[in-house]
């Protein structure tokens, strides 16, 4: 399990996950890459927290009432 990292010293796998995070949350990513992200986040506390925050934000945005003109 990875420890707490600053953006500059994050391992390459963590930086790569961050680059694909939005596509993963949106379900707009290849199945193989999605599995890689899932497995990495399962074992990396920092990336799991970032993934949870992104999912939470999307859920809150989706829960907003529609805009009316």
N, C-alpha and C. Protein backbone atom coordinates (compact mmCIF):
# COMPACT_ATOMS: atom_id res chain seq x y z
N UNK A 1 0.84 -1.17 0.00
CA UNK A 1 0.00 0.00 0.00
C UNK A 1 0.89 1.24 0.00
N UNK A 2 0.55 2.20 -0.82
CA UNK A 2 1.33 3.43 -0.87
C UNK A 2 1.00 4.32 0.32
N UNK A 3 1.96 5.14 0.70
CA UNK A 3 1.73 6.12 1.75
C UNK A 3 1.18 7.39 1.13
N UNK A 4 1.19 8.46 1.92
CA UNK A 4 0.71 9.76 1.45
C UNK A 4 1.76 10.39 0.57
N UNK A 5 1.37 10.83 -0.62
CA UNK A 5 2.30 11.42 -1.57
C UNK A 5 1.85 12.83 -1.92
N UNK A 6 2.83 13.68 -2.23
CA UNK A 6 2.53 14.96 -2.83
C UNK A 6 2.45 14.74 -4.33
N UNK A 7 1.81 15.64 -5.08
CA UNK A 7 1.71 15.41 -6.53
C UNK A 7 3.07 15.21 -7.20
N UNK A 8 4.10 15.90 -6.73
CA UNK A 8 5.41 15.81 -7.38
C UNK A 8 6.10 14.47 -7.15
N UNK A 9 5.86 13.84 -6.02
CA UNK A 9 6.59 12.59 -5.73
C UNK A 9 5.71 11.34 -5.84
N UNK A 10 4.55 11.48 -6.46
CA UNK A 10 3.68 10.31 -6.62
C UNK A 10 4.30 9.32 -7.58
N UNK A 11 4.12 8.04 -7.31
CA UNK A 11 4.59 7.02 -8.25
C UNK A 11 3.90 7.17 -9.61
N UNK A 12 4.54 6.68 -10.64
CA UNK A 12 4.00 6.79 -12.00
C UNK A 12 2.60 6.19 -12.10
N UNK A 13 2.36 5.08 -11.44
CA UNK A 13 1.03 4.45 -11.50
C UNK A 13 -0.04 5.39 -10.94
N UNK A 14 0.30 6.14 -9.90
CA UNK A 14 -0.65 7.09 -9.32
C UNK A 14 -0.89 8.25 -10.26
N UNK A 15 0.16 8.76 -10.86
CA UNK A 15 0.00 9.87 -11.82
C UNK A 15 -0.83 9.42 -13.02
N UNK A 16 -0.61 8.21 -13.49
CA UNK A 16 -1.38 7.69 -14.62
C UNK A 16 -2.86 7.52 -14.24
N UNK A 17 -3.12 7.08 -13.03
CA UNK A 17 -4.50 6.95 -12.58
C UNK A 17 -5.17 8.31 -12.57
N UNK A 18 -4.50 9.31 -12.04
CA UNK A 18 -5.09 10.65 -11.99
C UNK A 18 -5.42 11.16 -13.39
N UNK A 19 -4.57 10.84 -14.35
CA UNK A 19 -4.81 11.29 -15.72
C UNK A 19 -6.07 10.66 -16.31
N UNK A 20 -6.42 9.45 -15.88
CA UNK A 20 -7.57 8.74 -16.42
C UNK A 20 -8.77 8.74 -15.49
N UNK A 21 -8.67 9.46 -14.38
CA UNK A 21 -9.70 9.39 -13.34
C UNK A 21 -11.08 9.79 -13.84
N UNK A 22 -11.20 10.91 -14.53
CA UNK A 22 -12.51 11.36 -14.98
C UNK A 22 -13.13 10.39 -15.97
N UNK A 23 -12.33 9.88 -16.90
CA UNK A 23 -12.85 8.91 -17.86
C UNK A 23 -13.33 7.65 -17.13
N UNK A 24 -12.61 7.25 -16.09
CA UNK A 24 -13.01 6.07 -15.32
C UNK A 24 -14.35 6.31 -14.63
N UNK A 25 -14.47 7.44 -13.96
CA UNK A 25 -15.70 7.76 -13.24
C UNK A 25 -16.88 7.88 -14.21
N UNK A 26 -16.62 8.42 -15.40
CA UNK A 26 -17.68 8.57 -16.40
C UNK A 26 -18.00 7.27 -17.12
N UNK A 27 -17.19 6.23 -16.91
CA UNK A 27 -17.39 4.96 -17.61
C UNK A 27 -16.99 5.03 -19.06
N UNK A 28 -16.12 5.98 -19.36
CA UNK A 28 -15.70 6.21 -20.75
C UNK A 28 -14.24 5.82 -20.93
N UNK A 29 -13.92 4.57 -20.60
CA UNK A 29 -12.54 4.10 -20.64
C UNK A 29 -12.55 2.62 -21.01
N UNK A 30 -11.50 2.17 -21.62
CA UNK A 30 -11.42 0.76 -22.01
C UNK A 30 -11.54 -0.14 -20.78
N UNK A 31 -12.17 -1.27 -20.97
CA UNK A 31 -12.40 -2.21 -19.87
C UNK A 31 -11.11 -2.63 -19.18
N UNK A 32 -10.06 -2.89 -19.95
CA UNK A 32 -8.78 -3.32 -19.37
C UNK A 32 -8.18 -2.21 -18.50
N UNK A 33 -8.26 -0.96 -18.98
CA UNK A 33 -7.73 0.16 -18.20
C UNK A 33 -8.57 0.38 -16.95
N UNK A 34 -9.87 0.22 -17.06
CA UNK A 34 -10.74 0.35 -15.90
C UNK A 34 -10.37 -0.67 -14.83
N UNK A 35 -10.06 -1.88 -15.24
CA UNK A 35 -9.66 -2.90 -14.28
C UNK A 35 -8.33 -2.52 -13.62
N UNK A 36 -7.39 -2.02 -14.40
CA UNK A 36 -6.10 -1.57 -13.84
C UNK A 36 -6.32 -0.48 -12.79
N UNK A 37 -7.18 0.47 -13.10
CA UNK A 37 -7.46 1.56 -12.16
C UNK A 37 -8.12 1.02 -10.90
N UNK A 38 -9.10 0.15 -11.07
CA UNK A 38 -9.79 -0.44 -9.92
C UNK A 38 -8.80 -1.17 -9.01
N UNK A 39 -7.96 -1.99 -9.60
CA UNK A 39 -7.00 -2.76 -8.79
C UNK A 39 -5.98 -1.85 -8.11
N UNK A 40 -5.53 -0.83 -8.81
CA UNK A 40 -4.56 0.09 -8.20
C UNK A 40 -5.22 0.84 -7.03
N UNK A 41 -6.41 1.36 -7.25
CA UNK A 41 -7.09 2.12 -6.20
C UNK A 41 -7.42 1.24 -5.00
N UNK A 42 -7.63 -0.03 -5.24
CA UNK A 42 -7.91 -0.96 -4.13
C UNK A 42 -6.71 -1.05 -3.19
N UNK A 43 -5.51 -0.92 -3.75
CA UNK A 43 -4.29 -1.08 -2.95
C UNK A 43 -3.60 0.22 -2.59
N UNK A 44 -4.05 1.35 -3.12
CA UNK A 44 -3.40 2.64 -2.88
C UNK A 44 -4.37 3.57 -2.17
N UNK A 45 -4.08 3.87 -0.96
CA UNK A 45 -4.95 4.71 -0.13
C UNK A 45 -5.18 6.08 -0.75
N UNK A 46 -4.13 6.72 -1.26
CA UNK A 46 -4.27 8.05 -1.85
C UNK A 46 -5.17 8.02 -3.08
N UNK A 47 -4.94 7.08 -3.96
CA UNK A 47 -5.74 7.00 -5.18
C UNK A 47 -7.17 6.59 -4.87
N UNK A 48 -7.36 5.74 -3.89
CA UNK A 48 -8.71 5.35 -3.47
C UNK A 48 -9.47 6.58 -2.98
N UNK A 49 -8.79 7.44 -2.24
CA UNK A 49 -9.43 8.66 -1.73
C UNK A 49 -9.78 9.60 -2.88
N UNK A 50 -8.89 9.75 -3.85
CA UNK A 50 -9.17 10.60 -5.00
C UNK A 50 -10.32 10.06 -5.82
N UNK A 51 -10.35 8.76 -6.00
CA UNK A 51 -11.43 8.13 -6.74
C UNK A 51 -12.77 8.31 -6.01
N UNK A 52 -12.78 8.12 -4.72
CA UNK A 52 -14.00 8.30 -3.93
C UNK A 52 -14.49 9.75 -4.02
N UNK A 53 -13.57 10.70 -3.95
CA UNK A 53 -13.95 12.11 -4.04
C UNK A 53 -14.54 12.42 -5.40
N UNK A 54 -13.96 11.89 -6.46
CA UNK A 54 -14.47 12.13 -7.81
C UNK A 54 -15.86 11.52 -7.97
N UNK A 55 -16.04 10.31 -7.47
CA UNK A 55 -17.36 9.66 -7.56
C UNK A 55 -18.40 10.43 -6.75
N UNK A 56 -18.01 10.92 -5.59
CA UNK A 56 -18.91 11.69 -4.75
C UNK A 56 -19.33 12.98 -5.43
N UNK A 57 -18.39 13.65 -6.06
CA UNK A 57 -18.69 14.89 -6.77
C UNK A 57 -19.68 14.63 -7.90
N UNK A 58 -19.45 13.59 -8.67
CA UNK A 58 -20.35 13.26 -9.78
C UNK A 58 -21.74 12.94 -9.24
N UNK A 59 -21.82 12.21 -8.15
CA UNK A 59 -23.12 11.88 -7.56
C UNK A 59 -23.85 13.13 -7.09
N UNK A 60 -23.12 14.05 -6.47
CA UNK A 60 -23.75 15.30 -6.01
C UNK A 60 -24.22 16.14 -7.19
N UNK A 61 -23.41 16.20 -8.24
CA UNK A 61 -23.81 16.96 -9.42
C UNK A 61 -25.05 16.34 -10.08
N UNK A 62 -25.07 15.02 -10.15
CA UNK A 62 -26.23 14.34 -10.75
C UNK A 62 -27.50 14.51 -9.91
N UNK A 63 -27.35 14.78 -8.62
CA UNK A 63 -28.49 14.94 -7.74
C UNK A 63 -29.08 16.36 -7.79
N UNK A 64 -28.40 17.28 -8.43
CA UNK A 64 -28.90 18.65 -8.52
C UNK A 64 -30.15 18.69 -9.40
N UNK A 65 -31.07 19.57 -9.06
CA UNK A 65 -32.26 19.69 -9.92
C UNK A 65 -31.86 20.27 -11.28
N UNK A 66 -32.61 19.94 -12.29
CA UNK A 66 -32.29 20.47 -13.62
C UNK A 66 -32.43 21.98 -13.65
N UNK A 67 -31.63 22.61 -14.47
CA UNK A 67 -31.73 24.05 -14.65
C UNK A 67 -32.96 24.37 -15.49
N UNK A 68 -33.62 25.42 -15.13
CA UNK A 68 -34.76 25.86 -15.93
C UNK A 68 -34.42 27.19 -16.58
N UNK A 69 -34.90 27.35 -17.77
CA UNK A 69 -34.59 28.58 -18.51
C UNK A 69 -35.59 29.66 -18.24
